[in-house]
Amino acid sequence: MKQPTPQMLWFLILPSLLRIGFLAFECQPVGENVNIEYLVLDLNQQCWKGGNKQFMFAFFAATPMLLFFGLVVPGCTLLLLRRVKEHRLTDASLLLRFGLLHSGYRTEKFWWEACVLLRKYLIIIVSTFVVSDTYQLHSALGILA
């Protein structure tokens, strides 16, 4: 049985990691008073209320996580794919490692995976910050179109 490559695992778990990071910022109204929103991770905490731990968690845990998994890892992968652009389709080890990311694209269109990642990121952001189901649907369809 073939072992999964780290790039394949990253490709599969990236949306879940970003969704977890964005949960630190997600708030929703609870109960009868719709003017007060509570943190989805801890419904005992009011959102962005002075003295709670949401800001500290969002600043020191969620933001670095989002930056690392959302920008640094994909950026390094795209730079690596750009650097080995002419050898990707002939070198067996590169094809095995990065074939999932570029095998469906022409050699000069290796960057299209960045467009696919951007679409994933936008869908995750919409599902986090757009509360209404109708607006979520319209926004997601707009992103996919």
N, C-alpha and C. Protein backbone atom coordinates (compact mmCIF):
# COMPACT_ATOMS: atom_id res chain seq x y z
N MET A 1 0.84 -1.18 0.00
CA MET A 1 0.00 0.00 0.00
C MET A 1 0.88 1.24 0.00
N LYS A 2 0.52 2.22 -0.80
CA LYS A 2 1.32 3.42 -0.96
C LYS A 2 1.15 4.35 0.23
N GLN A 3 2.27 4.86 0.76
CA GLN A 3 2.25 5.79 1.89
C GLN A 3 1.81 7.18 1.40
N PRO A 4 0.95 7.88 2.16
CA PRO A 4 0.59 9.24 1.75
C PRO A 4 1.76 10.18 1.98
N THR A 5 1.93 11.12 1.07
CA THR A 5 3.00 12.10 1.21
C THR A 5 2.54 13.22 2.14
N PRO A 6 3.48 13.95 2.75
CA PRO A 6 3.09 15.07 3.61
C PRO A 6 2.27 16.12 2.86
N GLN A 7 2.56 16.34 1.58
CA GLN A 7 1.80 17.32 0.81
C GLN A 7 0.36 16.87 0.64
N MET A 8 0.15 15.57 0.48
CA MET A 8 -1.21 15.07 0.34
C MET A 8 -1.99 15.25 1.64
N LEU A 9 -1.32 14.94 2.76
CA LEU A 9 -1.98 15.12 4.05
C LEU A 9 -2.30 16.59 4.30
N TRP A 10 -1.35 17.47 3.96
CA TRP A 10 -1.60 18.90 4.13
C TRP A 10 -2.77 19.34 3.27
N PHE A 11 -2.83 18.88 2.03
CA PHE A 11 -3.91 19.22 1.12
C PHE A 11 -5.26 18.80 1.69
N LEU A 12 -5.30 17.67 2.37
CA LEU A 12 -6.55 17.16 2.91
C LEU A 12 -6.98 17.84 4.20
N ILE A 13 -6.03 18.20 5.07
CA ILE A 13 -6.40 18.77 6.37
C ILE A 13 -6.39 20.29 6.40
N LEU A 14 -5.92 20.94 5.33
CA LEU A 14 -5.86 22.40 5.31
C LEU A 14 -7.20 23.07 5.59
N PRO A 15 -8.30 22.70 4.93
CA PRO A 15 -9.57 23.37 5.23
C PRO A 15 -10.00 23.23 6.69
N SER A 16 -9.77 22.08 7.28
CA SER A 16 -10.14 21.89 8.69
C SER A 16 -9.28 22.74 9.61
N LEU A 17 -8.00 22.84 9.33
CA LEU A 17 -7.12 23.67 10.15
C LEU A 17 -7.51 25.14 10.08
N LEU A 18 -7.84 25.61 8.88
CA LEU A 18 -8.24 27.01 8.75
C LEU A 18 -9.59 27.26 9.42
N ARG A 19 -10.49 26.32 9.31
CA ARG A 19 -11.81 26.48 9.96
C ARG A 19 -11.64 26.56 11.47
N ILE A 20 -10.76 25.74 12.04
CA ILE A 20 -10.50 25.78 13.49
C ILE A 20 -9.91 27.13 13.87
N GLY A 21 -9.00 27.65 13.06
CA GLY A 21 -8.43 28.96 13.34
C GLY A 21 -9.45 30.07 13.29
N PHE A 22 -10.35 30.01 12.33
CA PHE A 22 -11.38 31.05 12.22
C PHE A 22 -12.45 30.94 13.30
N LEU A 23 -12.58 29.81 13.96
CA LEU A 23 -13.56 29.67 15.04
C LEU A 23 -13.25 30.62 16.20
N ALA A 24 -12.02 31.02 16.37
CA ALA A 24 -11.66 31.96 17.44
C ALA A 24 -12.30 33.33 17.22
N PHE A 25 -12.72 33.61 16.01
CA PHE A 25 -13.31 34.91 15.70
C PHE A 25 -14.82 34.83 15.50
N GLU A 26 -15.40 33.64 15.51
CA GLU A 26 -16.82 33.47 15.20
C GLU A 26 -17.68 33.72 16.42
N CYS A 27 -18.67 34.57 16.25
CA CYS A 27 -19.60 34.91 17.32
C CYS A 27 -21.03 34.67 16.83
N GLN A 28 -21.94 34.41 17.78
CA GLN A 28 -23.34 34.24 17.41
C GLN A 28 -24.22 34.67 18.57
N PRO A 29 -25.41 35.20 18.25
CA PRO A 29 -26.33 35.55 19.32
C PRO A 29 -26.94 34.29 19.93
N VAL A 30 -27.15 34.33 21.24
CA VAL A 30 -27.72 33.19 21.95
C VAL A 30 -28.85 33.70 22.82
N GLY A 31 -29.96 33.00 22.79
CA GLY A 31 -31.08 33.36 23.65
C GLY A 31 -31.96 34.43 23.04
N GLU A 32 -32.67 35.15 23.93
CA GLU A 32 -33.66 36.12 23.49
C GLU A 32 -33.05 37.45 23.08
N ASN A 33 -31.93 37.82 23.69
CA ASN A 33 -31.29 39.10 23.38
C ASN A 33 -30.33 38.89 22.21
N VAL A 34 -30.76 39.34 21.01
CA VAL A 34 -29.93 39.12 19.83
C VAL A 34 -28.86 40.19 19.66
N ASN A 35 -28.84 41.19 20.54
CA ASN A 35 -27.82 42.23 20.46
C ASN A 35 -26.50 41.79 21.08
N ILE A 36 -26.53 40.80 21.93
CA ILE A 36 -25.32 40.31 22.58
C ILE A 36 -24.89 39.02 21.91
N GLU A 37 -23.64 39.00 21.43
CA GLU A 37 -23.12 37.81 20.77
C GLU A 37 -22.11 37.12 21.67
N TYR A 38 -22.09 35.80 21.55
CA TYR A 38 -21.18 34.98 22.36
C TYR A 38 -20.22 34.23 21.44
N LEU A 39 -19.08 33.94 21.98
CA LEU A 39 -18.05 33.22 21.25
C LEU A 39 -18.51 31.78 21.01
N VAL A 40 -18.37 31.29 19.79
CA VAL A 40 -18.82 29.95 19.44
C VAL A 40 -18.02 28.90 20.20
N LEU A 41 -16.74 29.14 20.42
CA LEU A 41 -15.91 28.17 21.14
C LEU A 41 -16.28 28.05 22.60
N ASP A 42 -16.75 29.14 23.20
CA ASP A 42 -17.13 29.14 24.62
C ASP A 42 -18.34 30.05 24.77
N LEU A 43 -19.52 29.47 24.87
CA LEU A 43 -20.74 30.26 24.91
C LEU A 43 -20.94 31.01 26.22
N ASN A 44 -20.02 30.86 27.18
CA ASN A 44 -20.06 31.67 28.39
C ASN A 44 -19.36 33.00 28.23
N GLN A 45 -18.63 33.19 27.15
CA GLN A 45 -17.85 34.41 26.91
C GLN A 45 -18.56 35.30 25.89
N GLN A 46 -18.75 36.57 26.25
CA GLN A 46 -19.27 37.52 25.28
C GLN A 46 -18.16 37.88 24.31
N CYS A 47 -18.55 38.11 23.06
CA CYS A 47 -17.55 38.42 22.03
C CYS A 47 -16.94 39.79 22.24
N TRP A 48 -15.62 39.81 22.20
CA TRP A 48 -14.82 41.02 22.24
C TRP A 48 -15.19 41.94 23.40
N LYS A 49 -15.60 41.33 24.50
CA LYS A 49 -15.90 42.07 25.73
C LYS A 49 -14.60 42.27 26.49
N GLY A 50 -14.40 43.45 27.02
CA GLY A 50 -13.19 43.74 27.77
C GLY A 50 -13.01 42.78 28.94
N GLY A 51 -11.80 42.27 29.10
CA GLY A 51 -11.51 41.37 30.22
C GLY A 51 -11.63 39.91 29.90
N ASN A 52 -12.17 39.55 28.73
CA ASN A 52 -12.23 38.12 28.43
C ASN A 52 -10.97 37.68 27.69
N LYS A 53 -10.84 36.41 27.50
CA LYS A 53 -9.61 35.85 26.95
C LYS A 53 -9.66 35.67 25.44
N GLN A 54 -10.73 36.10 24.80
CA GLN A 54 -10.86 35.88 23.37
C GLN A 54 -9.79 36.63 22.59
N PHE A 55 -9.53 37.88 22.97
CA PHE A 55 -8.53 38.65 22.25
C PHE A 55 -7.16 38.00 22.35
N MET A 56 -6.80 37.56 23.55
CA MET A 56 -5.49 36.93 23.74
C MET A 56 -5.39 35.64 22.92
N PHE A 57 -6.43 34.83 22.96
CA PHE A 57 -6.42 33.58 22.20
C PHE A 57 -6.36 33.87 20.70
N ALA A 58 -7.18 34.82 20.25
CA ALA A 58 -7.22 35.14 18.83
C ALA A 58 -5.89 35.71 18.36
N PHE A 59 -5.26 36.54 19.18
CA PHE A 59 -4.03 37.20 18.78
C PHE A 59 -2.83 36.26 18.84
N PHE A 60 -2.73 35.46 19.89
CA PHE A 60 -1.53 34.65 20.09
C PHE A 60 -1.65 33.20 19.59
N ALA A 61 -2.83 32.71 19.35
CA ALA A 61 -2.98 31.32 18.88
C ALA A 61 -3.59 31.25 17.48
N ALA A 62 -4.74 31.87 17.29
CA ALA A 62 -5.46 31.71 16.03
C ALA A 62 -4.81 32.48 14.88
N THR A 63 -4.38 33.70 15.12
CA THR A 63 -3.78 34.49 14.05
C THR A 63 -2.48 33.86 13.53
N PRO A 64 -1.53 33.46 14.41
CA PRO A 64 -0.34 32.78 13.88
C PRO A 64 -0.67 31.48 13.15
N MET A 65 -1.66 30.77 13.64
CA MET A 65 -2.07 29.53 12.98
C MET A 65 -2.60 29.81 11.58
N LEU A 66 -3.45 30.82 11.47
CA LEU A 66 -4.00 31.18 10.17
C LEU A 66 -2.91 31.68 9.22
N LEU A 67 -1.99 32.48 9.73
CA LEU A 67 -0.91 32.98 8.88
C LEU A 67 -0.01 31.85 8.41
N PHE A 68 0.32 30.94 9.31
CA PHE A 68 1.22 29.85 8.94
C PHE A 68 0.56 28.90 7.95
N PHE A 69 -0.62 28.39 8.30
CA PHE A 69 -1.26 27.40 7.44
C PHE A 69 -1.94 28.04 6.23
N GLY A 70 -2.27 29.31 6.31
CA GLY A 70 -2.95 29.95 5.21
C GLY A 70 -2.04 30.65 4.22
N LEU A 71 -0.87 31.12 4.68
CA LEU A 71 0.02 31.86 3.80
C LEU A 71 1.40 31.24 3.64
N VAL A 72 2.03 30.88 4.75
CA VAL A 72 3.42 30.43 4.70
C VAL A 72 3.54 29.07 4.00
N VAL A 73 2.77 28.10 4.43
CA VAL A 73 2.88 26.75 3.84
C VAL A 73 2.49 26.75 2.36
N PRO A 74 1.35 27.35 1.95
CA PRO A 74 1.05 27.38 0.52
C PRO A 74 2.06 28.21 -0.27
N GLY A 75 2.53 29.31 0.32
CA GLY A 75 3.53 30.14 -0.37
C GLY A 75 4.82 29.38 -0.62
N CYS A 76 5.30 28.67 0.38
CA CYS A 76 6.52 27.87 0.21
C CYS A 76 6.32 26.77 -0.82
N THR A 77 5.15 26.16 -0.81
CA THR A 77 4.87 25.10 -1.79
C THR A 77 4.85 25.66 -3.21
N LEU A 78 4.21 26.82 -3.39
CA LEU A 78 4.17 27.42 -4.73
C LEU A 78 5.55 27.88 -5.18
N LEU A 79 6.35 28.41 -4.26
CA LEU A 79 7.72 28.79 -4.62
C LEU A 79 8.54 27.58 -5.03
N LEU A 80 8.35 26.48 -4.32
CA LEU A 80 9.07 25.25 -4.68
C LEU A 80 8.62 24.73 -6.04
N LEU A 81 7.32 24.77 -6.29
CA LEU A 81 6.81 24.33 -7.60
C LEU A 81 7.33 25.24 -8.71
N ARG A 82 7.44 26.52 -8.43
CA ARG A 82 7.97 27.46 -9.43
C ARG A 82 9.44 27.19 -9.71
N ARG A 83 10.19 26.89 -8.65
CA ARG A 83 11.62 26.66 -8.79
C ARG A 83 11.92 25.40 -9.61
N VAL A 84 11.12 24.38 -9.43
CA VAL A 84 11.37 23.12 -10.14
C VAL A 84 10.43 22.95 -11.33
N LYS A 85 9.98 24.05 -11.89
CA LYS A 85 8.95 24.03 -12.92
C LYS A 85 9.28 23.11 -14.10
N GLU A 86 10.50 23.18 -14.60
CA GLU A 86 10.82 22.38 -15.78
C GLU A 86 11.10 20.92 -15.46
N HIS A 87 11.36 20.57 -14.20
CA HIS A 87 11.67 19.19 -13.84
C HIS A 87 10.48 18.44 -13.21
N ARG A 88 9.37 19.14 -12.99
CA ARG A 88 8.25 18.53 -12.28
C ARG A 88 7.69 17.31 -12.98
N LEU A 89 7.57 17.38 -14.28
CA LEU A 89 6.91 16.30 -15.01
C LEU A 89 7.86 15.18 -15.41
N THR A 90 9.16 15.39 -15.24
CA THR A 90 10.12 14.35 -15.62
C THR A 90 10.76 13.67 -14.42
N ASP A 91 10.90 14.36 -13.31
CA ASP A 91 11.53 13.79 -12.13
C ASP A 91 10.49 12.99 -11.34
N ALA A 92 10.74 11.69 -11.16
CA ALA A 92 9.76 10.81 -10.52
C ALA A 92 9.52 11.18 -9.06
N SER A 93 10.56 11.59 -8.33
CA SER A 93 10.35 11.92 -6.92
C SER A 93 9.52 13.19 -6.76
N LEU A 94 9.75 14.18 -7.64
CA LEU A 94 8.93 15.40 -7.58
C LEU A 94 7.50 15.11 -8.00
N LEU A 95 7.33 14.27 -8.98
CA LEU A 95 5.99 13.92 -9.42
C LEU A 95 5.22 13.18 -8.33
N LEU A 96 5.93 12.32 -7.60
CA LEU A 96 5.29 11.60 -6.51
C LEU A 96 4.92 12.55 -5.37
N ARG A 97 5.83 13.47 -5.03
CA ARG A 97 5.59 14.37 -3.90
C ARG A 97 4.56 15.44 -4.21
N PHE A 98 4.64 16.04 -5.38
CA PHE A 98 3.79 17.19 -5.68
C PHE A 98 2.79 16.94 -6.80
N GLY A 99 2.63 15.70 -7.20
CA GLY A 99 1.71 15.39 -8.30
C GLY A 99 0.28 15.78 -8.01
N LEU A 100 -0.13 15.68 -6.76
CA LEU A 100 -1.49 16.05 -6.38
C LEU A 100 -1.75 17.53 -6.63
N LEU A 101 -0.72 18.35 -6.49
CA LEU A 101 -0.88 19.80 -6.61
C LEU A 101 -0.80 20.30 -8.05
N HIS A 102 -0.13 19.60 -8.94
CA HIS A 102 0.08 20.16 -10.26
C HIS A 102 -0.15 19.20 -11.42
N SER A 103 -0.48 17.98 -11.17
CA SER A 103 -0.54 17.02 -12.27
C SER A 103 -1.64 17.34 -13.27
N GLY A 104 -2.68 18.03 -12.87
CA GLY A 104 -3.76 18.34 -13.79
C GLY A 104 -3.56 19.62 -14.57
N TYR A 105 -2.42 20.30 -14.39
CA TYR A 105 -2.20 21.60 -15.02
C TYR A 105 -1.04 21.53 -16.01
N ARG A 106 -1.08 22.41 -17.00
CA ARG A 106 0.05 22.54 -17.91
C ARG A 106 1.25 23.10 -17.13
N THR A 107 2.44 22.90 -17.66
CA THR A 107 3.66 23.31 -16.97
C THR A 107 3.66 24.79 -16.64
N GLU A 108 3.20 25.63 -17.53
CA GLU A 108 3.22 27.08 -17.28
C GLU A 108 2.06 27.54 -16.39
N LYS A 109 1.14 26.67 -16.07
CA LYS A 109 -0.02 27.03 -15.24
C LYS A 109 0.05 26.41 -13.85
N PHE A 110 1.26 26.21 -13.33
CA PHE A 110 1.42 25.62 -12.00
C PHE A 110 0.76 26.47 -10.91
N TRP A 111 0.63 27.76 -11.14
CA TRP A 111 0.10 28.69 -10.15
C TRP A 111 -1.41 28.55 -9.96
N TRP A 112 -2.08 27.78 -10.80
CA TRP A 112 -3.54 27.67 -10.69
C TRP A 112 -3.96 27.07 -9.36
N GLU A 113 -3.09 26.28 -8.75
CA GLU A 113 -3.41 25.72 -7.43
C GLU A 113 -3.62 26.83 -6.41
N ALA A 114 -2.95 27.96 -6.57
CA ALA A 114 -3.15 29.11 -5.68
C ALA A 114 -4.57 29.64 -5.83
N CYS A 115 -5.11 29.62 -7.02
CA CYS A 115 -6.50 30.05 -7.23
C CYS A 115 -7.47 29.10 -6.54
N VAL A 116 -7.19 27.83 -6.61
CA VAL A 116 -8.03 26.83 -5.94
C VAL A 116 -7.98 27.04 -4.42
N LEU A 117 -6.77 27.30 -3.88
CA LEU A 117 -6.64 27.57 -2.44
C LEU A 117 -7.38 28.83 -2.04
N LEU A 118 -7.29 29.87 -2.86
CA LEU A 118 -8.01 31.11 -2.55
C LEU A 118 -9.51 30.87 -2.49
N ARG A 119 -10.02 30.06 -3.41
CA ARG A 119 -11.45 29.73 -3.38
C ARG A 119 -11.81 28.98 -2.11
N LYS A 120 -10.95 28.04 -1.68
CA LYS A 120 -11.20 27.32 -0.43
C LYS A 120 -11.22 28.29 0.75
N TYR A 121 -10.24 29.19 0.79
CA TYR A 121 -10.16 30.16 1.89
C TYR A 121 -11.40 31.04 1.94
N LEU A 122 -11.87 31.49 0.79
CA LEU A 122 -13.05 32.35 0.76
C LEU A 122 -14.30 31.61 1.22
N ILE A 123 -14.44 30.35 0.86
CA ILE A 123 -15.59 29.55 1.32
C ILE A 123 -15.53 29.40 2.83
N ILE A 124 -14.36 29.16 3.39
CA ILE A 124 -14.22 29.03 4.85
C ILE A 124 -14.54 30.34 5.54
N ILE A 125 -14.08 31.45 4.98
CA ILE A 125 -14.36 32.76 5.58
C ILE A 125 -15.85 33.05 5.54
N VAL A 126 -16.51 32.75 4.43
CA VAL A 126 -17.95 32.98 4.33
C VAL A 126 -18.70 32.12 5.34
N SER A 127 -18.31 30.85 5.47
CA SER A 127 -19.02 29.99 6.42
C SER A 127 -18.78 30.40 7.86
N THR A 128 -17.70 31.14 8.12
CA THR A 128 -17.42 31.60 9.48
C THR A 128 -18.13 32.90 9.81
N PHE A 129 -18.05 33.88 8.92
CA PHE A 129 -18.48 35.22 9.27
C PHE A 129 -19.86 35.61 8.76
N VAL A 130 -20.41 34.91 7.79
CA VAL A 130 -21.75 35.24 7.30
C VAL A 130 -22.73 34.37 8.06
N VAL A 131 -23.61 35.02 8.83
CA VAL A 131 -24.48 34.29 9.75
C VAL A 131 -25.72 33.73 9.05
N SER A 132 -26.32 34.50 8.19
CA SER A 132 -27.56 34.09 7.53
C SER A 132 -27.30 32.98 6.52
N ASP A 133 -28.16 31.95 6.56
CA ASP A 133 -28.02 30.84 5.62
C ASP A 133 -28.18 31.29 4.17
N THR A 134 -29.12 32.20 3.93
CA THR A 134 -29.36 32.68 2.58
C THR A 134 -28.15 33.42 2.04
N TYR A 135 -27.58 34.30 2.85
CA TYR A 135 -26.39 35.05 2.42
C TYR A 135 -25.18 34.13 2.26
N GLN A 136 -25.08 33.11 3.11
CA GLN A 136 -24.00 32.15 2.94
C GLN A 136 -24.11 31.45 1.59
N LEU A 137 -25.32 31.03 1.26
CA LEU A 137 -25.54 30.34 -0.01
C LEU A 137 -25.19 31.24 -1.20
N HIS A 138 -25.68 32.48 -1.17
CA HIS A 138 -25.41 33.39 -2.27
C HIS A 138 -23.92 33.72 -2.37
N SER A 139 -23.29 33.93 -1.23
CA SER A 139 -21.86 34.24 -1.25
C SER A 139 -21.04 33.06 -1.78
N ALA A 140 -21.37 31.86 -1.31
CA ALA A 140 -20.64 30.67 -1.76
C ALA A 140 -20.84 30.44 -3.26
N LEU A 141 -22.04 30.62 -3.75
CA LEU A 141 -22.27 30.46 -5.18
C LEU A 141 -21.54 31.53 -5.99
N GLY A 142 -21.48 32.76 -5.46
CA GLY A 142 -20.71 33.80 -6.12
C GLY A 142 -19.23 33.48 -6.18
N ILE A 143 -18.69 32.92 -5.12
CA ILE A 143 -17.28 32.54 -5.09
C ILE A 143 -17.01 31.42 -6.09
N LEU A 144 -17.89 30.43 -6.11
CA LEU A 144 -17.68 29.31 -7.02
C LEU A 144 -17.86 29.71 -8.49
N ALA A 145 -18.72 30.68 -8.74
CA ALA A 145 -18.92 31.13 -10.13
C ALA A 145 -17.71 31.91 -10.57
